PDB file of N, CA and C in Angstrom:
ATOM      1  N   MET A   1     -32.603   0.400  22.541  1.00  0.00           N
ATOM      2  CA  MET A   1     -33.625  -0.481  22.014  1.00  0.00           C
ATOM      3  C   MET A   1     -34.999   0.119  22.295  1.00  0.00           C
ATOM      4  N   TYR A   2     -35.973  -0.384  21.580  1.00  0.00           N
ATOM      5  CA  TYR A   2     -37.355   0.069  21.694  1.00  0.00           C
ATOM      6  C   TYR A   2     -38.241  -1.168  21.801  1.00  0.00           C
ATOM      7  N   GLY A   3     -39.200  -1.148  22.705  1.00  0.00           N
ATOM      8  CA  GLY A   3     -40.082  -2.293  22.872  1.00  0.00           C
ATOM      9  C   GLY A   3     -41.537  -1.902  22.943  1.00  0.00           C
ATOM     10  N   LEU A   4     -42.374  -2.840  22.567  1.00  0.00           N
ATOM     11  CA  LEU A   4     -43.825  -2.679  22.648  1.00  0.00           C
ATOM     12  C   LEU A   4     -44.427  -3.962  23.201  1.00  0.00           C
ATOM     13  N   ILE A   5     -45.415  -3.786  24.065  1.00  0.00           N
ATOM     14  CA  ILE A   5     -46.207  -4.909  24.538  1.00  0.00           C
ATOM     15  C   ILE A   5     -47.655  -4.551  24.226  1.00  0.00           C
ATOM     16  N   GLY A   6     -48.315  -5.385  23.460  1.00  0.00           N
ATOM     17  CA  GLY A   6     -49.688  -5.106  23.065  1.00  0.00           C
ATOM     18  C   GLY A   6     -50.615  -6.246  23.430  1.00  0.00           C
ATOM     19  N   LYS A   7     -51.819  -5.867  23.790  1.00  0.00           N
ATOM     20  CA  LYS A   7     -52.861  -6.841  24.119  1.00  0.00           C
ATOM     21  C   LYS A   7     -54.070  -6.487  23.257  1.00  0.00           C
ATOM     22  N   PHE A   8     -54.527  -7.458  22.486  1.00  0.00           N
ATOM     23  CA  PHE A   8     -55.724  -7.182  21.700  1.00  0.00           C
ATOM     24  C   PHE A   8     -56.634  -8.387  21.660  1.00  0.00           C
ATOM     25  N   ARG A   9     -57.885  -8.089  21.324  1.00  0.00           N
ATOM     26  CA  ARG A   9     -58.943  -9.093  21.379  1.00  0.00           C
ATOM     27  C   ARG A   9     -59.441  -9.409  19.973  1.00  0.00           C
ATOM     28  N   ALA A  10     -59.459 -10.686  19.666  1.00  0.00           N
ATOM     29  CA  ALA A  10     -60.048 -11.136  18.404  1.00  0.00           C
ATOM     30  C   ALA A  10     -61.574 -11.188  18.578  1.00  0.00           C
ATOM     31  N   HIS A  11     -62.277 -11.104  17.475  1.00  0.00           N
ATOM     32  CA  HIS A  11     -63.718 -11.323  17.545  1.00  0.00           C
ATOM     33  C   HIS A  11     -63.955 -12.735  18.073  1.00  0.00           C
ATOM     34  N   PRO A  12     -65.033 -12.956  18.796  1.00  0.00           N
ATOM     35  CA  PRO A  12     -65.285 -14.270  19.395  1.00  0.00           C
ATOM     36  C   PRO A  12     -65.135 -15.407  18.373  1.00  0.00           C
ATOM     37  N   GLY A  13     -64.329 -16.392  18.771  1.00  0.00           N
ATOM     38  CA  GLY A  13     -64.118 -17.559  17.934  1.00  0.00           C
ATOM     39  C   GLY A  13     -63.170 -17.366  16.764  1.00  0.00           C
ATOM     40  N   ARG A  14     -62.562 -16.177  16.637  1.00  0.00           N
ATOM     41  CA  ARG A  14     -61.696 -15.899  15.476  1.00  0.00           C
ATOM     42  C   ARG A  14     -60.209 -15.833  15.841  1.00  0.00           C
ATOM     43  N   ARG A  15     -59.879 -16.085  17.124  1.00  0.00           N
ATOM     44  CA  ARG A  15     -58.486 -15.949  17.549  1.00  0.00           C
ATOM     45  C   ARG A  15     -57.555 -16.851  16.755  1.00  0.00           C
ATOM     46  N   ASP A  16     -57.904 -18.111  16.586  1.00  0.00           N
ATOM     47  CA  ASP A  16     -57.018 -19.041  15.878  1.00  0.00           C
ATOM     48  C   ASP A  16     -56.790 -18.603  14.431  1.00  0.00           C
ATOM     49  N   GLU A  17     -57.823 -18.099  13.798  1.00  0.00           N
ATOM     50  CA  GLU A  17     -57.704 -17.597  12.425  1.00  0.00           C
ATOM     51  C   GLU A  17     -56.754 -16.392  12.385  1.00  0.00           C
ATOM     52  N   LEU A  18     -56.899 -15.498  13.351  1.00  0.00           N
ATOM     53  CA  LEU A  18     -56.036 -14.325  13.426  1.00  0.00           C
ATOM     54  C   LEU A  18     -54.585 -14.727  13.689  1.00  0.00           C
ATOM     55  N   VAL A  19     -54.377 -15.630  14.611  1.00  0.00           N
ATOM     56  CA  VAL A  19     -53.016 -16.101  14.915  1.00  0.00           C
ATOM     57  C   VAL A  19     -52.396 -16.756  13.681  1.00  0.00           C
ATOM     58  N   ALA A  20     -53.149 -17.591  12.990  1.00  0.00           N
ATOM     59  CA  ALA A  20     -52.629 -18.251  11.783  1.00  0.00           C
ATOM     60  C   ALA A  20     -52.222 -17.215  10.734  1.00  0.00           C
ATOM     61  N   LEU A  21     -53.031 -16.192  10.569  1.00  0.00           N
ATOM     62  CA  LEU A  21     -52.719 -15.127   9.616  1.00  0.00           C
ATOM     63  C   LEU A  21     -51.424 -14.422  10.015  1.00  0.00           C
ATOM     64  N   MET A  22     -51.308 -14.084  11.289  1.00  0.00           N
ATOM     65  CA  MET A  22     -50.118 -13.380  11.762  1.00  0.00           C
ATOM     66  C   MET A  22     -48.868 -14.257  11.636  1.00  0.00           C
ATOM     67  N   LYS A  23     -49.002 -15.529  11.912  1.00  0.00           N
ATOM     68  CA  LYS A  23     -47.863 -16.441  11.804  1.00  0.00           C
ATOM     69  C   LYS A  23     -47.432 -16.645  10.351  1.00  0.00           C
ATOM     70  N   SER A  24     -48.346 -16.481   9.415  1.00  0.00           N
ATOM     71  CA  SER A  24     -48.021 -16.704   8.007  1.00  0.00           C
ATOM     72  C   SER A  24     -47.212 -15.552   7.410  1.00  0.00           C
ATOM     73  N   SER A  25     -47.185 -14.422   8.071  1.00  0.00           N
ATOM     74  CA  SER A  25     -46.431 -13.273   7.572  1.00  0.00           C
ATOM     75  C   SER A  25     -44.969 -13.424   7.981  1.00  0.00           C
ATOM     76  N   THR A  26     -44.142 -13.820   7.024  1.00  0.00           N
ATOM     77  CA  THR A  26     -42.740 -14.092   7.337  1.00  0.00           C
ATOM     78  C   THR A  26     -41.798 -13.123   6.640  1.00  0.00           C
ATOM     79  N   ALA A  27     -42.298 -11.959   6.265  1.00  0.00           N
ATOM     80  CA  ALA A  27     -41.444 -10.976   5.600  1.00  0.00           C
ATOM     81  C   ALA A  27     -40.334 -10.529   6.540  1.00  0.00           C
ATOM     82  N   PRO A  28     -39.124 -10.324   6.003  1.00  0.00           N
ATOM     83  CA  PRO A  28     -38.055  -9.797   6.846  1.00  0.00           C
ATOM     84  C   PRO A  28     -38.437  -8.414   7.393  1.00  0.00           C
ATOM     85  N   MET A  29     -38.113  -8.189   8.647  1.00  0.00           N
ATOM     86  CA  MET A  29     -38.400  -6.904   9.276  1.00  0.00           C
ATOM     87  C   MET A  29     -37.080  -6.338   9.811  1.00  0.00           C
ATOM     88  N   PRO A  30     -36.410  -5.514   9.012  1.00  0.00           N
ATOM     89  CA  PRO A  30     -35.134  -4.957   9.447  1.00  0.00           C
ATOM     90  C   PRO A  30     -35.263  -4.263  10.803  1.00  0.00           C
ATOM     91  N   GLY A  31     -34.315  -4.551  11.679  1.00  0.00           N
ATOM     92  CA  GLY A  31     -34.306  -3.935  13.001  1.00  0.00           C
ATOM     93  C   GLY A  31     -35.111  -4.665  14.045  1.00  0.00           C
ATOM     94  N   CYS A  32     -35.826  -5.723  13.658  1.00  0.00           N
ATOM     95  CA  CYS A  32     -36.612  -6.486  14.626  1.00  0.00           C
ATOM     96  C   CYS A  32     -35.693  -7.469  15.344  1.00  0.00           C
ATOM     97  N   VAL A  33     -35.575  -7.291  16.647  1.00  0.00           N
ATOM     98  CA  VAL A  33     -34.748  -8.169  17.462  1.00  0.00           C
ATOM     99  C   VAL A  33     -35.552  -9.392  17.888  1.00  0.00           C
ATOM    100  N   SER A  34     -36.823  -9.148  18.248  1.00  0.00           N
ATOM    101  CA  SER A  34     -37.678 -10.231  18.723  1.00  0.00           C
ATOM    102  C   SER A  34     -39.138  -9.809  18.585  1.00  0.00           C
ATOM    103  N   CYS A  35     -39.956 -10.770  18.180  1.00  0.00           N
ATOM    104  CA  CYS A  35     -41.401 -10.539  18.135  1.00  0.00           C
ATOM    105  C   CYS A  35     -42.055 -11.847  18.579  1.00  0.00           C
ATOM    106  N   VAL A  36     -42.781 -11.774  19.687  1.00  0.00           N
ATOM    107  CA  VAL A  36     -43.398 -12.967  20.264  1.00  0.00           C
ATOM    108  C   VAL A  36     -44.906 -12.797  20.256  1.00  0.00           C
ATOM    109  N   LEU A  37     -45.583 -13.731  19.647  1.00  0.00           N
ATOM    110  CA  LEU A  37     -47.039 -13.776  19.591  1.00  0.00           C
ATOM    111  C   LEU A  37     -47.483 -14.807  20.613  1.00  0.00           C
ATOM    112  N   SER A  38     -48.338 -14.408  21.552  1.00  0.00           N
ATOM    113  CA  SER A  38     -48.742 -15.303  22.641  1.00  0.00           C
ATOM    114  C   SER A  38     -50.254 -15.332  22.802  1.00  0.00           C
ATOM    115  N   LEU A  39     -50.761 -16.497  23.194  1.00  0.00           N
ATOM    116  CA  LEU A  39     -52.163 -16.653  23.541  1.00  0.00           C
ATOM    117  C   LEU A  39     -52.339 -16.388  25.024  1.00  0.00           C
ATOM    118  N   ASP A  40     -53.439 -15.776  25.384  1.00  0.00           N
ATOM    119  CA  ASP A  40     -53.748 -15.567  26.795  1.00  0.00           C
ATOM    120  C   ASP A  40     -54.385 -16.855  27.317  1.00  0.00           C
ATOM    121  N   PRO A  41     -53.825 -17.454  28.367  1.00  0.00           N
ATOM    122  CA  PRO A  41     -54.361 -18.727  28.853  1.00  0.00           C
ATOM    123  C   PRO A  41     -55.698 -18.599  29.578  1.00  0.00           C
ATOM    124  N   ALA A  42     -56.065 -17.395  29.979  1.00  0.00           N
ATOM    125  CA  ALA A  42     -57.292 -17.217  30.753  1.00  0.00           C
ATOM    126  C   ALA A  42     -58.475 -16.725  29.924  1.00  0.00           C
ATOM    127  N   GLU A  43     -58.202 -16.089  28.775  1.00  0.00           N
ATOM    128  CA  GLU A  43     -59.284 -15.536  27.962  1.00  0.00           C
ATOM    129  C   GLU A  43     -59.103 -15.987  26.513  1.00  0.00           C
ATOM    130  N   ALA A  44     -60.077 -16.685  26.009  1.00  0.00           N
ATOM    131  CA  ALA A  44     -59.975 -17.366  24.713  1.00  0.00           C
ATOM    132  C   ALA A  44     -59.791 -16.441  23.516  1.00  0.00           C
ATOM    133  N   ASP A  45     -60.140 -15.173  23.621  1.00  0.00           N
ATOM    134  CA  ASP A  45     -60.045 -14.289  22.467  1.00  0.00           C
ATOM    135  C   ASP A  45     -58.892 -13.296  22.554  1.00  0.00           C
ATOM    136  N   LEU A  46     -58.068 -13.373  23.615  1.00  0.00           N
ATOM    137  CA  LEU A  46     -56.980 -12.414  23.791  1.00  0.00           C
ATOM    138  C   LEU A  46     -55.666 -12.901  23.201  1.00  0.00           C
ATOM    139  N   ILE A  47     -54.935 -11.953  22.639  1.00  0.00           N
ATOM    140  CA  ILE A  47     -53.613 -12.192  22.071  1.00  0.00           C
ATOM    141  C   ILE A  47     -52.675 -11.123  22.624  1.00  0.00           C
ATOM    142  N   TRP A  48     -51.454 -11.537  22.943  1.00  0.00           N
ATOM    143  CA  TRP A  48     -50.398 -10.630  23.388  1.00  0.00           C
ATOM    144  C   TRP A  48     -49.298 -10.633  22.336  1.00  0.00           C
ATOM    145  N   VAL A  49     -48.743  -9.460  22.045  1.00  0.00           N
ATOM    146  CA  VAL A  49     -47.590  -9.352  21.158  1.00  0.00           C
ATOM    147  C   VAL A  49     -46.518  -8.574  21.913  1.00  0.00           C
ATOM    148  N   THR A  50     -45.334  -9.163  21.992  1.00  0.00           N
ATOM    149  CA  THR A  50     -44.202  -8.529  22.657  1.00  0.00           C
ATOM    150  C   THR A  50     -43.112  -8.342  21.618  1.00  0.00           C
ATOM    151  N   GLU A  51     -42.716  -7.095  21.395  1.00  0.00           N
ATOM    152  CA  GLU A  51     -41.765  -6.780  20.343  1.00  0.00           C
ATOM    153  C   GLU A  51     -40.550  -6.054  20.905  1.00  0.00           C
ATOM    154  N   VAL A  52     -39.377  -6.363  20.363  1.00  0.00           N
ATOM    155  CA  VAL A  52     -38.154  -5.628  20.664  1.00  0.00           C
ATOM    156  C   VAL A  52     -37.543  -5.228  19.323  1.00  0.00           C
ATOM    157  N   TRP A  53     -37.243  -3.947  19.214  1.00  0.00           N
ATOM    158  CA  TRP A  53     -36.683  -3.380  17.989  1.00  0.00           C
ATOM    159  C   TRP A  53     -35.372  -2.668  18.312  1.00  0.00           C
ATOM    160  N   GLU A  54     -34.514  -2.576  17.317  1.00  0.00           N
ATOM    161  CA  GLU A  54     -33.276  -1.820  17.508  1.00  0.00           C
ATOM    162  C   GLU A  54     -33.593  -0.354  17.819  1.00  0.00           C
ATOM    163  N   THR A  55     -34.567   0.219  17.101  1.00  0.00           N
ATOM    164  CA  THR A  55     -34.976   1.608  17.327  1.00  0.00           C
ATOM    165  C   THR A  55     -36.473   1.749  17.074  1.00  0.00           C
ATOM    166  N   GLN A  56     -37.031   2.833  17.564  1.00  0.00           N
ATOM    167  CA  GLN A  56     -38.442   3.125  17.307  1.00  0.00           C
ATOM    168  C   GLN A  56     -38.669   3.355  15.809  1.00  0.00           C
ATOM    169  N   ALA A  57     -37.691   3.925  15.130  1.00  0.00           N
ATOM    170  CA  ALA A  57     -37.809   4.155  13.688  1.00  0.00           C
ATOM    171  C   ALA A  57     -37.924   2.841  12.920  1.00  0.00           C
ATOM    172  N   HIS A  58     -37.206   1.804  13.364  1.00  0.00           N
ATOM    173  CA  HIS A  58     -37.337   0.496  12.716  1.00  0.00           C
ATOM    174  C   HIS A  58     -38.768  -0.023  12.845  1.00  0.00           C
ATOM    175  N   HIS A  59     -39.348   0.130  14.026  1.00  0.00           N
ATOM    176  CA  HIS A  59     -40.733  -0.313  14.207  1.00  0.00           C
ATOM    177  C   HIS A  59     -41.665   0.463  13.287  1.00  0.00           C
ATOM    178  N   ALA A  60     -41.515   1.769  13.265  1.00  0.00           N
ATOM    179  CA  ALA A  60     -42.385   2.601  12.431  1.00  0.00           C
ATOM    180  C   ALA A  60     -42.266   2.212  10.958  1.00  0.00           C
ATOM    181  N   ALA A  61     -41.061   1.924  10.508  1.00  0.00           N
ATOM    182  CA  ALA A  61     -40.845   1.550   9.113  1.00  0.00           C
ATOM    183  C   ALA A  61     -41.433   0.181   8.780  1.00  0.00           C
ATOM    184  N   SER A  62     -41.554  -0.683   9.781  1.00  0.00           N
ATOM    185  CA  SER A  62     -42.015  -2.051   9.510  1.00  0.00           C
ATOM    186  C   SER A  62     -43.428  -2.092   8.948  1.00  0.00           C
ATOM    187  N   VAL A  63     -44.275  -1.181   9.353  1.00  0.00           N
ATOM    188  CA  VAL A  63     -45.664  -1.208   8.863  1.00  0.00           C
ATOM    189  C   VAL A  63     -45.774  -0.761   7.409  1.00  0.00           C
ATOM    190  N   GLU A  64     -44.676  -0.243   6.846  1.00  0.00           N
ATOM    191  CA  GLU A  64     -44.654   0.153   5.436  1.00  0.00           C
ATOM    192  C   GLU A  64     -44.171  -0.977   4.527  1.00  0.00           C
ATOM    193  N   ILE A  65     -43.658  -2.063   5.109  1.00  0.00           N
ATOM    194  CA  ILE A  65     -43.232  -3.212   4.309  1.00  0.00           C
ATOM    195  C   ILE A  65     -44.487  -3.815   3.672  1.00  0.00           C
ATOM    196  N   PRO A  66     -44.530  -3.952   2.351  1.00  0.00           N
ATOM    197  CA  PRO A  66     -45.763  -4.388   1.685  1.00  0.00           C
ATOM    198  C   PRO A  66     -46.405  -5.643   2.293  1.00  0.00           C
ATOM    199  N   ALA A  67     -45.633  -6.668   2.574  1.00  0.00           N
ATOM    200  CA  ALA A  67     -46.215  -7.899   3.129  1.00  0.00           C
ATOM    201  C   ALA A  67     -46.773  -7.670   4.528  1.00  0.00           C
ATOM    202  N   ILE A  68     -46.120  -6.837   5.315  1.00  0.00           N
ATOM    203  CA  ILE A  68     -46.601  -6.541   6.665  1.00  0.00           C
ATOM    204  C   ILE A  68     -47.875  -5.698   6.584  1.00  0.00           C
ATOM    205  N   ALA A  69     -47.875  -4.705   5.714  1.00  0.00           N
ATOM    206  CA  ALA A  69     -49.069  -3.870   5.536  1.00  0.00           C
ATOM    207  C   ALA A  69     -50.261  -4.719   5.081  1.00  0.00           C
ATOM    208  N   ALA A  70     -50.023  -5.675   4.194  1.00  0.00           N
ATOM    209  CA  ALA A  70     -51.103  -6.556   3.724  1.00  0.00           C
ATOM    210  C   ALA A  70     -51.629  -7.425   4.861  1.00  0.00           C
ATOM    211  N   THR A  71     -50.736  -7.921   5.706  1.00  0.00           N
ATOM    212  CA  THR A  71     -51.168  -8.727   6.849  1.00  0.00           C
ATOM    213  C   THR A  71     -52.002  -7.887   7.810  1.00  0.00           C
ATOM    214  N   ILE A  72     -51.590  -6.664   8.057  1.00  0.00           N
ATOM    215  CA  ILE A  72     -52.350  -5.777   8.946  1.00  0.00           C
ATOM    216  C   ILE A  72     -53.742  -5.542   8.379  1.00  0.00           C
ATOM    217  N   ARG A  73     -53.832  -5.258   7.081  1.00  0.00           N
ATOM    218  CA  ARG A  73     -55.146  -5.038   6.449  1.00  0.00           C
ATOM    219  C   ARG A  73     -56.034  -6.277   6.573  1.00  0.00           C
ATOM    220  N   ALA A  74     -55.461  -7.451   6.358  1.00  0.00           N
ATOM    221  CA  ALA A  74     -56.229  -8.696   6.447  1.00  0.00           C
ATOM    222  C   ALA A  74     -56.641  -8.996   7.885  1.00  0.00           C
ATOM    223  N   ALA A  75     -55.820  -8.582   8.847  1.00  0.00           N
ATOM    224  CA  ALA A  75     -56.099  -8.868  10.264  1.00  0.00           C
ATOM    225  C   ALA A  75     -57.172  -7.965  10.855  1.00  0.00           C
ATOM    226  N   MET A  76     -57.279  -6.753  10.383  1.00  0.00           N
ATOM    227  CA  MET A  76     -58.183  -5.781  11.014  1.00  0.00           C
ATOM    228  C   MET A  76     -59.624  -6.276  11.172  1.00  0.00           C
ATOM    229  N   PRO A  77     -60.216  -6.951  10.180  1.00  0.00           N
ATOM    230  CA  PRO A  77     -61.596  -7.429  10.373  1.00  0.00           C
ATOM    231  C   PRO A  77     -61.721  -8.527  11.434  1.00  0.00           C
ATOM    232  N   LEU A  78     -60.613  -9.151  11.804  1.00  0.00           N
ATOM    233  CA  LEU A  78     -60.636 -10.212  12.808  1.00  0.00           C
ATOM    234  C   LEU A  78     -60.438  -9.678  14.227  1.00  0.00           C
ATOM    235  N   ILE A  79     -60.050  -8.410  14.335  1.00  0.00           N
ATOM    236  CA  ILE A  79     -59.724  -7.808  15.633  1.00  0.00           C
ATOM    237  C   ILE A  79     -60.916  -7.021  16.163  1.00  0.00           C
ATOM    238  N   ALA A  80     -61.355  -7.390  17.369  1.00  0.00           N
ATOM    239  CA  ALA A  80     -62.480  -6.704  17.999  1.00  0.00           C
ATOM    240  C   ALA A  80     -62.030  -5.408  18.677  1.00  0.00           C
ATOM    241  N   GLY A  81     -60.805  -5.385  19.180  1.00  0.00           N
ATOM    242  CA  GLY A  81     -60.334  -4.176  19.835  1.00  0.00           C
ATOM    243  C   GLY A  81     -58.925  -4.317  20.364  1.00  0.00           C
ATOM    244  N   PHE A  82     -58.306  -3.162  20.559  1.00  0.00           N
ATOM    245  CA  PHE A  82     -56.968  -3.089  21.129  1.00  0.00           C
ATOM    246  C   PHE A  82     -57.121  -2.653  22.579  1.00  0.00           C
ATOM    247  N   GLU A  83     -56.684  -3.498  23.495  1.00  0.00           N
ATOM    248  CA  GLU A  83     -56.931  -3.257  24.913  1.00  0.00           C
ATOM    249  C   GLU A  83     -55.757  -2.633  25.649  1.00  0.00           C
ATOM    250  N   MET A  84     -54.553  -2.801  25.109  1.00  0.00           N
ATOM    251  CA  MET A  84     -53.393  -2.229  25.769  1.00  0.00           C
ATOM    252  C   MET A  84     -52.267  -2.095  24.771  1.00  0.00           C
ATOM    253  N   ARG A  85     -51.528  -1.015  24.881  1.00  0.00           N
ATOM    254  CA  ARG A  85     -50.306  -0.809  24.093  1.00  0.00           C
ATOM    255  C   ARG A  85     -49.337  -0.087  24.999  1.00  0.00           C
ATOM    256  N   GLN A  86     -48.265  -0.766  25.353  1.00  0.00           N
ATOM    257  CA  GLN A  86     -47.297  -0.187  26.277  1.00  0.00           C
ATOM    258  C   GLN A  86     -45.927  -0.138  25.632  1.00  0.00           C
ATOM    259  N   GLU A  87     -45.370   1.067  25.506  1.00  0.00           N
ATOM    260  CA  GLU A  87     -43.992   1.195  25.052  1.00  0.00           C
ATOM    261  C   GLU A  87     -43.075   0.923  26.236  1.00  0.00           C
ATOM    262  N   VAL A  88     -41.980   0.240  25.975  1.00  0.00           N
ATOM    263  CA  VAL A  88     -41.003  -0.065  27.015  1.00  0.00           C
ATOM    264  C   VAL A  88     -39.600   0.151  26.454  1.00  0.00           C
ATOM    265  N   VAL A  89     -38.622   0.189  27.351  1.00  0.00           N
ATOM    266  CA  VAL A  89     -37.224   0.312  26.953  1.00  0.00           C
ATOM    267  C   VAL A  89     -36.503  -0.967  27.379  1.00  0.00           C
ATOM    268  N   PRO A  90     -36.320  -1.904  26.457  1.00  0.00           N
ATOM    269  CA  PRO A  90     -35.599  -3.131  26.803  1.00  0.00           C
ATOM    270  C   PRO A  90     -34.149  -2.802  27.191  1.00  0.00           C
ATOM    271  N   VAL A  91     -33.680  -3.447  28.234  1.00  0.00           N
ATOM    272  CA  VAL A  91     -32.305  -3.193  28.696  1.00  0.00           C
ATOM    273  C   VAL A  91     -31.420  -4.433  28.631  1.00  0.00           C
ATOM    274  N   HIS A  92     -32.011  -5.607  28.425  1.00  0.00           N
ATOM    275  CA  HIS A  92     -31.202  -6.809  28.343  1.00  0.00           C
ATOM    276  C   HIS A  92     -32.012  -7.905  27.667  1.00  0.00           C
ATOM    277  N   LEU A  93     -31.327  -8.704  26.852  1.00  0.00           N
ATOM    278  CA  LEU A  93     -31.970  -9.824  26.188  1.00  0.00           C
ATOM    279  C   LEU A  93     -31.388 -11.116  26.737  1.00  0.00           C
ATOM    280  N   PHE A  94     -32.233 -12.108  26.924  1.00  0.00           N
ATOM    281  CA  PHE A  94     -31.789 -13.426  27.376  1.00  0.00           C
ATOM    282  C   PHE A  94     -32.022 -14.414  26.237  1.00  0.00           C
ATOM    283  N   PRO A  95     -31.124 -15.161  25.762  1.00  0.00           N
ATOM    284  CA  PRO A  95     -29.693 -14.952  26.029  1.00  0.00           C
ATOM    285  C   PRO A  95     -29.201 -13.734  25.269  1.00  0.00           C
ATOM    286  N   PRO A  96     -28.088 -13.134  25.684  1.00  0.00           N
ATOM    287  CA  PRO A  96     -27.569 -11.958  24.993  1.00  0.00           C
ATOM    288  C   PRO A  96     -27.289 -12.269  23.530  1.00  0.00           C
ATOM    289  N   ARG A  97     -27.470 -11.297  22.689  1.00  0.00           N
ATOM    290  CA  ARG A  97     -27.198 -11.444  21.249  1.00  0.00           C
ATOM    291  C   ARG A  97     -25.723 -11.430  20.995  1.00  0.00           C
TER     292      ARG A  97
END
């Protein structure tokens, strides 16, 4: 499996708009085991994304899906910066698949 944990900052006051945009993208993503969008409870403009994919290639291919690419393009003006991107190797899912 392949995993990513990302932390990024929305422009001030735009987090809810960015989250709504990201939640509206419901295109199927082959190979996506889990994708969790989370709000940071301590900082009003921070968003965390935790992803688990079957393979790194599945993740790479996901950004080429037209609906996903369109969501990324629409989201970019709402994002002030990317603060962290950590690749991880998931070893177990709760509950198991």
